[in-house]
Amino acid sequence: MKTIQKITVISITVCALAAMSGCSNMSRRDKNTAIGATIGAVGGAILTGGSGIGTAGGAAVGGVIGHQVGR
C-alpha cells in the first residue's frame, strides 16, 4: 500500500507542476501561492499517510504561506 501512495503523490506533483507551467500570465504572488499550495499538499499527504484532510490542510497552509512570501 505504501508504494501506491508514493506513486499517487508523485503523480499529483508532476501533474500540478505541469499545470502550473502553463500559467505564464500569473503575477508573482499568484505563482508563489500556487507553488506553496502544491508543496503544502504534497507535504500534508506525506505526513498524514495520504489522508484527504491532511492533503487539503497542507494545501491551505502552503497557499497562505506562499501568498505571504510575495509581500
PDB file of N, CA and C in Angstrom:
ATOM      1  N   MET A   1       0.809  -1.189   0.000  1.00  0.00           N
ATOM      2  CA  MET A   1       0.000   0.000   0.000  1.00  0.00           C
ATOM      3  C   MET A   1       0.859   1.262   0.000  1.00  0.00           C
ATOM      4  N   LYS A   2       1.999   1.235   0.626  1.00  0.00           N
ATOM      5  CA  LYS A   2       2.875   2.402   0.662  1.00  0.00           C
ATOM      6  C   LYS A   2       3.354   2.761  -0.744  1.00  0.00           C
ATOM      7  N   THR A   3       3.589   1.769  -1.582  1.00  0.00           N
ATOM      8  CA  THR A   3       4.044   2.027  -2.943  1.00  0.00           C
ATOM      9  C   THR A   3       2.980   2.772  -3.728  1.00  0.00           C
ATOM     10  N   ILE A   4       1.735   2.404  -3.576  1.00  0.00           N
ATOM     11  CA  ILE A   4       0.643   3.078  -4.278  1.00  0.00           C
ATOM     12  C   ILE A   4       0.537   4.527  -3.821  1.00  0.00           C
ATOM     13  N   GLN A   5       0.697   4.782  -2.537  1.00  0.00           N
ATOM     14  CA  GLN A   5       0.629   6.145  -2.022  1.00  0.00           C
ATOM     15  C   GLN A   5       1.778   6.992  -2.565  1.00  0.00           C
ATOM     16  N   LYS A   6       2.979   6.419  -2.631  1.00  0.00           N
ATOM     17  CA  LYS A   6       4.114   7.156  -3.169  1.00  0.00           C
ATOM     18  C   LYS A   6       3.898   7.483  -4.639  1.00  0.00           C
ATOM     19  N   ILE A   7       3.399   6.540  -5.393  1.00  0.00           N
ATOM     20  CA  ILE A   7       3.132   6.772  -6.809  1.00  0.00           C
ATOM     21  C   ILE A   7       2.063   7.843  -6.974  1.00  0.00           C
ATOM     22  N   THR A   8       1.049   7.813  -6.126  1.00  0.00           N
ATOM     23  CA  THR A   8      -0.012   8.816  -6.190  1.00  0.00           C
ATOM     24  C   THR A   8       0.520  10.204  -5.898  1.00  0.00           C
ATOM     25  N   VAL A   9       1.323  10.337  -4.862  1.00  0.00           N
ATOM     26  CA  VAL A   9       1.890  11.641  -4.502  1.00  0.00           C
ATOM     27  C   VAL A   9       2.780  12.160  -5.623  1.00  0.00           C
ATOM     28  N   ILE A  10       3.603  11.318  -6.177  1.00  0.00           N
ATOM     29  CA  ILE A  10       4.482  11.727  -7.277  1.00  0.00           C
ATOM     30  C   ILE A  10       3.663  12.126  -8.495  1.00  0.00           C
ATOM     31  N   SER A  11       2.634  11.374  -8.806  1.00  0.00           N
ATOM     32  CA  SER A  11       1.781  11.694  -9.955  1.00  0.00           C
ATOM     33  C   SER A  11       1.072  13.029  -9.783  1.00  0.00           C
ATOM     34  N   ILE A  12       0.551  13.264  -8.596  1.00  0.00           N
ATOM     35  CA  ILE A  12      -0.121  14.541  -8.322  1.00  0.00           C
ATOM     36  C   ILE A  12       0.863  15.693  -8.438  1.00  0.00           C
ATOM     37  N   THR A  13       2.063  15.501  -7.926  1.00  0.00           N
ATOM     38  CA  THR A  13       3.076  16.547  -8.003  1.00  0.00           C
ATOM     39  C   THR A  13       3.437  16.862  -9.447  1.00  0.00           C
ATOM     40  N   VAL A  14       3.644  15.841 -10.243  1.00  0.00           N
ATOM     41  CA  VAL A  14       4.003  16.049 -11.651  1.00  0.00           C
ATOM     42  C   VAL A  14       2.870  16.751 -12.391  1.00  0.00           C
ATOM     43  N   CYS A  15       1.649  16.338 -12.151  1.00  0.00           N
ATOM     44  CA  CYS A  15       0.501  16.982 -12.803  1.00  0.00           C
ATOM     45  C   CYS A  15       0.358  18.433 -12.379  1.00  0.00           C
ATOM     46  N   ALA A  16       0.551  18.707 -11.108  1.00  0.00           N
ATOM     47  CA  ALA A  16       0.446  20.085 -10.624  1.00  0.00           C
ATOM     48  C   ALA A  16       1.530  20.968 -11.217  1.00  0.00           C
ATOM     49  N   LEU A  17       2.747  20.447 -11.286  1.00  0.00           N
ATOM     50  CA  LEU A  17       3.829  21.234 -11.879  1.00  0.00           C
ATOM     51  C   LEU A  17       3.603  21.465 -13.364  1.00  0.00           C
ATOM     52  N   ALA A  18       3.078  20.475 -14.049  1.00  0.00           N
ATOM     53  CA  ALA A  18       2.774  20.648 -15.479  1.00  0.00           C
ATOM     54  C   ALA A  18       1.666  21.676 -15.681  1.00  0.00           C
ATOM     55  N   ALA A  19       0.680  21.669 -14.807  1.00  0.00           N
ATOM     56  CA  ALA A  19      -0.412  22.642 -14.912  1.00  0.00           C
ATOM     57  C   ALA A  19       0.082  24.053 -14.618  1.00  0.00           C
ATOM     58  N   MET A  20       0.966  24.179 -13.654  1.00  0.00           N
ATOM     59  CA  MET A  20       1.480  25.498 -13.313  1.00  0.00           C
ATOM     60  C   MET A  20       2.395  26.063 -14.390  1.00  0.00           C
ATOM     61  N   SER A  21       3.026  25.217 -15.174  1.00  0.00           N
ATOM     62  CA  SER A  21       3.919  25.726 -16.208  1.00  0.00           C
ATOM     63  C   SER A  21       3.150  26.467 -17.290  1.00  0.00           C
ATOM     64  N   GLY A  22       1.864  26.226 -17.409  1.00  0.00           N
ATOM     65  CA  GLY A  22       1.048  26.919 -18.386  1.00  0.00           C
ATOM     66  C   GLY A  22       0.466  28.223 -17.880  1.00  0.00           C
ATOM     67  N   CYS A  23       0.862  28.643 -16.711  1.00  0.00           N
ATOM     68  CA  CYS A  23       0.297  29.851 -16.100  1.00  0.00           C
ATOM     69  C   CYS A  23       1.264  31.020 -16.231  1.00  0.00           C
ATOM     70  N   SER A  24       1.681  31.324 -17.430  1.00  0.00           N
ATOM     71  CA  SER A  24       2.679  32.370 -17.631  1.00  0.00           C
ATOM     72  C   SER A  24       2.118  33.764 -17.388  1.00  0.00           C
ATOM     73  N   ASN A  25       0.800  33.931 -17.443  1.00  0.00           N
ATOM     74  CA  ASN A  25       0.234  35.255 -17.242  1.00  0.00           C
ATOM     75  C   ASN A  25      -0.121  35.536 -15.781  1.00  0.00           C
ATOM     76  N   MET A  26       0.291  34.670 -14.875  1.00  0.00           N
ATOM     77  CA  MET A  26       0.010  34.874 -13.455  1.00  0.00           C
ATOM     78  C   MET A  26       1.023  35.858 -12.868  1.00  0.00           C
ATOM     79  N   SER A  27       0.589  36.607 -11.852  1.00  0.00           N
ATOM     80  CA  SER A  27       1.511  37.503 -11.168  1.00  0.00           C
ATOM     81  C   SER A  27       2.466  36.676 -10.300  1.00  0.00           C
ATOM     82  N   ARG A  28       3.499  37.334  -9.828  1.00  0.00           N
ATOM     83  CA  ARG A  28       4.477  36.638  -8.982  1.00  0.00           C
ATOM     84  C   ARG A  28       3.816  36.111  -7.713  1.00  0.00           C
ATOM     85  N   ARG A  29       2.923  36.896  -7.118  1.00  0.00           N
ATOM     86  CA  ARG A  29       2.230  36.469  -5.901  1.00  0.00           C
ATOM     87  C   ARG A  29       1.342  35.259  -6.177  1.00  0.00           C
ATOM     88  N   ASP A  30       0.642  35.248  -7.327  1.00  0.00           N
ATOM     89  CA  ASP A  30      -0.206  34.111  -7.684  1.00  0.00           C
ATOM     90  C   ASP A  30       0.627  32.846  -7.869  1.00  0.00           C
ATOM     91  N   LYS A  31       1.786  33.000  -8.496  1.00  0.00           N
ATOM     92  CA  LYS A  31       2.670  31.848  -8.684  1.00  0.00           C
ATOM     93  C   LYS A  31       3.167  31.322  -7.340  1.00  0.00           C
ATOM     94  N   ASN A  32       3.550  32.235  -6.446  1.00  0.00           N
ATOM     95  CA  ASN A  32       4.006  31.814  -5.116  1.00  0.00           C
ATOM     96  C   ASN A  32       2.902  31.097  -4.352  1.00  0.00           C
ATOM     97  N   THR A  33       1.675  31.581  -4.494  1.00  0.00           N
ATOM     98  CA  THR A  33       0.539  30.938  -3.831  1.00  0.00           C
ATOM     99  C   THR A  33       0.326  29.531  -4.368  1.00  0.00           C
ATOM    100  N   ALA A  34       0.369  29.388  -5.696  1.00  0.00           N
ATOM    101  CA  ALA A  34       0.170  28.068  -6.308  1.00  0.00           C
ATOM    102  C   ALA A  34       1.290  27.104  -5.936  1.00  0.00           C
ATOM    103  N   ILE A  35       2.509  27.589  -5.945  1.00  0.00           N
ATOM    104  CA  ILE A  35       3.640  26.727  -5.579  1.00  0.00           C
ATOM    105  C   ILE A  35       3.540  26.320  -4.113  1.00  0.00           C
ATOM    106  N   GLY A  36       3.203  27.273  -3.246  1.00  0.00           N
ATOM    107  CA  GLY A  36       3.042  26.963  -1.824  1.00  0.00           C
ATOM    108  C   GLY A  36       1.948  25.944  -1.581  1.00  0.00           C
ATOM    109  N   ALA A  37       0.830  26.086  -2.305  1.00  0.00           N
ATOM    110  CA  ALA A  37      -0.272  25.136  -2.149  1.00  0.00           C
ATOM    111  C   ALA A  37       0.129  23.746  -2.616  1.00  0.00           C
ATOM    112  N   THR A  38       0.877  23.682  -3.701  1.00  0.00           N
ATOM    113  CA  THR A  38       1.321  22.378  -4.214  1.00  0.00           C
ATOM    114  C   THR A  38       2.270  21.702  -3.232  1.00  0.00           C
ATOM    115  N   ILE A  39       3.248  22.452  -2.762  1.00  0.00           N
ATOM    116  CA  ILE A  39       4.210  21.885  -1.820  1.00  0.00           C
ATOM    117  C   ILE A  39       3.511  21.500  -0.518  1.00  0.00           C
ATOM    118  N   GLY A  40       2.587  22.341  -0.070  1.00  0.00           N
ATOM    119  CA  GLY A  40       1.842  22.029   1.150  1.00  0.00           C
ATOM    120  C   GLY A  40       0.983  20.783   1.007  1.00  0.00           C
ATOM    121  N   ALA A  41       0.357  20.621  -0.161  1.00  0.00           N
ATOM    122  CA  ALA A  41      -0.469  19.433  -0.394  1.00  0.00           C
ATOM    123  C   ALA A  41       0.370  18.167  -0.374  1.00  0.00           C
ATOM    124  N   VAL A  42       1.516  18.220  -1.016  1.00  0.00           N
ATOM    125  CA  VAL A  42       2.399  17.042  -1.025  1.00  0.00           C
ATOM    126  C   VAL A  42       2.896  16.759   0.387  1.00  0.00           C
ATOM    127  N   GLY A  43       3.319  17.801   1.091  1.00  0.00           N
ATOM    128  CA  GLY A  43       3.779  17.616   2.471  1.00  0.00           C
ATOM    129  C   GLY A  43       2.689  17.080   3.375  1.00  0.00           C
ATOM    130  N   GLY A  44       1.479  17.621   3.231  1.00  0.00           N
ATOM    131  CA  GLY A  44       0.363  17.133   4.037  1.00  0.00           C
ATOM    132  C   GLY A  44       0.025  15.686   3.741  1.00  0.00           C
ATOM    133  N   ALA A  45       0.098  15.317   2.469  1.00  0.00           N
ATOM    134  CA  ALA A  45      -0.178  13.929   2.090  1.00  0.00           C
ATOM    135  C   ALA A  45       0.875  12.983   2.660  1.00  0.00           C
ATOM    136  N   ILE A  46       2.119  13.411   2.613  1.00  0.00           N
ATOM    137  CA  ILE A  46       3.200  12.558   3.127  1.00  0.00           C
ATOM    138  C   ILE A  46       3.092  12.411   4.649  1.00  0.00           C
ATOM    139  N   LEU A  47       2.866  13.532   5.333  1.00  0.00           N
ATOM    140  CA  LEU A  47       2.832  13.495   6.796  1.00  0.00           C
ATOM    141  C   LEU A  47       1.633  12.740   7.355  1.00  0.00           C
ATOM    142  N   THR A  48       0.521  12.734   6.621  1.00  0.00           N
ATOM    143  CA  THR A  48      -0.675  12.066   7.128  1.00  0.00           C
ATOM    144  C   THR A  48      -0.937  10.727   6.456  1.00  0.00           C
ATOM    145  N   GLY A  49      -0.005  10.257   5.669  1.00  0.00           N
ATOM    146  CA  GLY A  49      -0.168   8.956   5.026  1.00  0.00           C
ATOM    147  C   GLY A  49      -1.207   8.956   3.912  1.00  0.00           C
ATOM    148  N   GLY A  50      -1.386  10.093   3.250  1.00  0.00           N
ATOM    149  CA  GLY A  50      -2.312  10.153   2.128  1.00  0.00           C
ATOM    150  C   GLY A  50      -3.730  10.541   2.498  1.00  0.00           C
ATOM    151  N   SER A  51      -3.932  11.018   3.711  1.00  0.00           N
ATOM    152  CA  SER A  51      -5.260  11.437   4.151  1.00  0.00           C
ATOM    153  C   SER A  51      -5.723  12.640   3.337  1.00  0.00           C
ATOM    154  N   GLY A  52      -6.975  12.622   2.931  1.00  0.00           N
ATOM    155  CA  GLY A  52      -7.524  13.732   2.169  1.00  0.00           C
ATOM    156  C   GLY A  52      -7.560  15.018   2.966  1.00  0.00           C
ATOM    157  N   ILE A  53      -7.891  14.907   4.232  1.00  0.00           N
ATOM    158  CA  ILE A  53      -7.943  16.085   5.099  1.00  0.00           C
ATOM    159  C   ILE A  53      -6.544  16.657   5.296  1.00  0.00           C
ATOM    160  N   GLY A  54      -5.573  15.792   5.478  1.00  0.00           N
ATOM    161  CA  GLY A  54      -4.188  16.252   5.629  1.00  0.00           C
ATOM    162  C   GLY A  54      -3.675  16.919   4.369  1.00  0.00           C
ATOM    163  N   THR A  55      -4.039  16.371   3.219  1.00  0.00           N
ATOM    164  CA  THR A  55      -3.619  16.952   1.950  1.00  0.00           C
ATOM    165  C   THR A  55      -4.256  18.321   1.751  1.00  0.00           C
ATOM    166  N   ALA A  56      -5.551  18.425   2.009  1.00  0.00           N
ATOM    167  CA  ALA A  56      -6.250  19.703   1.855  1.00  0.00           C
ATOM    168  C   ALA A  56      -5.732  20.730   2.861  1.00  0.00           C
ATOM    169  N   GLY A  57      -5.501  20.297   4.076  1.00  0.00           N
ATOM    170  CA  GLY A  57      -4.961  21.206   5.093  1.00  0.00           C
ATOM    171  C   GLY A  57      -3.578  21.701   4.730  1.00  0.00           C
ATOM    172  N   GLY A  58      -2.741  20.802   4.228  1.00  0.00           N
ATOM    173  CA  GLY A  58      -1.401  21.193   3.794  1.00  0.00           C
ATOM    174  C   GLY A  58      -1.451  22.167   2.641  1.00  0.00           C
ATOM    175  N   ALA A  59      -2.378  21.952   1.708  1.00  0.00           N
ATOM    176  CA  ALA A  59      -2.525  22.859   0.576  1.00  0.00           C
ATOM    177  C   ALA A  59      -2.965  24.242   1.045  1.00  0.00           C
ATOM    178  N   ALA A  60      -3.888  24.290   1.988  1.00  0.00           N
ATOM    179  CA  ALA A  60      -4.366  25.575   2.502  1.00  0.00           C
ATOM    180  C   ALA A  60      -3.250  26.336   3.214  1.00  0.00           C
ATOM    181  N   VAL A  61      -2.548  25.653   4.081  1.00  0.00           N
ATOM    182  CA  VAL A  61      -1.463  26.305   4.821  1.00  0.00           C
ATOM    183  C   VAL A  61      -0.352  26.728   3.861  1.00  0.00           C
ATOM    184  N   GLY A  62       0.009  25.853   2.926  1.00  0.00           N
ATOM    185  CA  GLY A  62       1.048  26.190   1.952  1.00  0.00           C
ATOM    186  C   GLY A  62       0.657  27.358   1.074  1.00  0.00           C
ATOM    187  N   GLY A  63      -0.608  27.424   0.680  1.00  0.00           N
ATOM    188  CA  GLY A  63      -1.082  28.538  -0.133  1.00  0.00           C
ATOM    189  C   GLY A  63      -0.997  29.861   0.602  1.00  0.00           C
ATOM    190  N   VAL A  64      -1.365  29.855   1.872  1.00  0.00           N
ATOM    191  CA  VAL A  64      -1.280  31.080   2.677  1.00  0.00           C
ATOM    192  C   VAL A  64       0.179  31.508   2.832  1.00  0.00           C
ATOM    193  N   ILE A  65       1.038  30.574   3.118  1.00  0.00           N
ATOM    194  CA  ILE A  65       2.461  30.903   3.279  1.00  0.00           C
ATOM    195  C   ILE A  65       3.033  31.427   1.963  1.00  0.00           C
ATOM    196  N   GLY A  66       2.709  30.761   0.859  1.00  0.00           N
ATOM    197  CA  GLY A  66       3.181  31.214  -0.446  1.00  0.00           C
ATOM    198  C   GLY A  66       2.671  32.610  -0.790  1.00  0.00           C
ATOM    199  N   HIS A  67       1.459  32.899  -0.408  1.00  0.00           N
ATOM    200  CA  HIS A  67       0.882  34.228  -0.671  1.00  0.00           C
ATOM    201  C   HIS A  67       1.593  35.298   0.146  1.00  0.00           C
ATOM    202  N   GLN A  68       1.937  34.975   1.386  1.00  0.00           N
ATOM    203  CA  GLN A  68       2.597  35.944   2.255  1.00  0.00           C
ATOM    204  C   GLN A  68       4.063  36.151   1.898  1.00  0.00           C
ATOM    205  N   VAL A  69       4.699  35.166   1.312  1.00  0.00           N
ATOM    206  CA  VAL A  69       6.107  35.290   0.940  1.00  0.00           C
ATOM    207  C   VAL A  69       6.276  36.376  -0.114  1.00  0.00           C
ATOM    208  N   GLY A  70       5.295  36.542  -0.974  1.00  0.00           N
ATOM    209  CA  GLY A  70       5.387  37.511  -2.050  1.00  0.00           C
ATOM    210  C   GLY A  70       5.240  38.954  -1.612  1.00  0.00           C
ATOM    211  N   ARG A  71       4.969  39.229  -0.375  1.00  0.00           N
ATOM    212  CA  ARG A  71       4.744  40.608   0.085  1.00  0.00           C
ATOM    213  C   ARG A  71       6.005  41.378   0.191  1.00  0.00           C
TER     214      ARG A  71
END
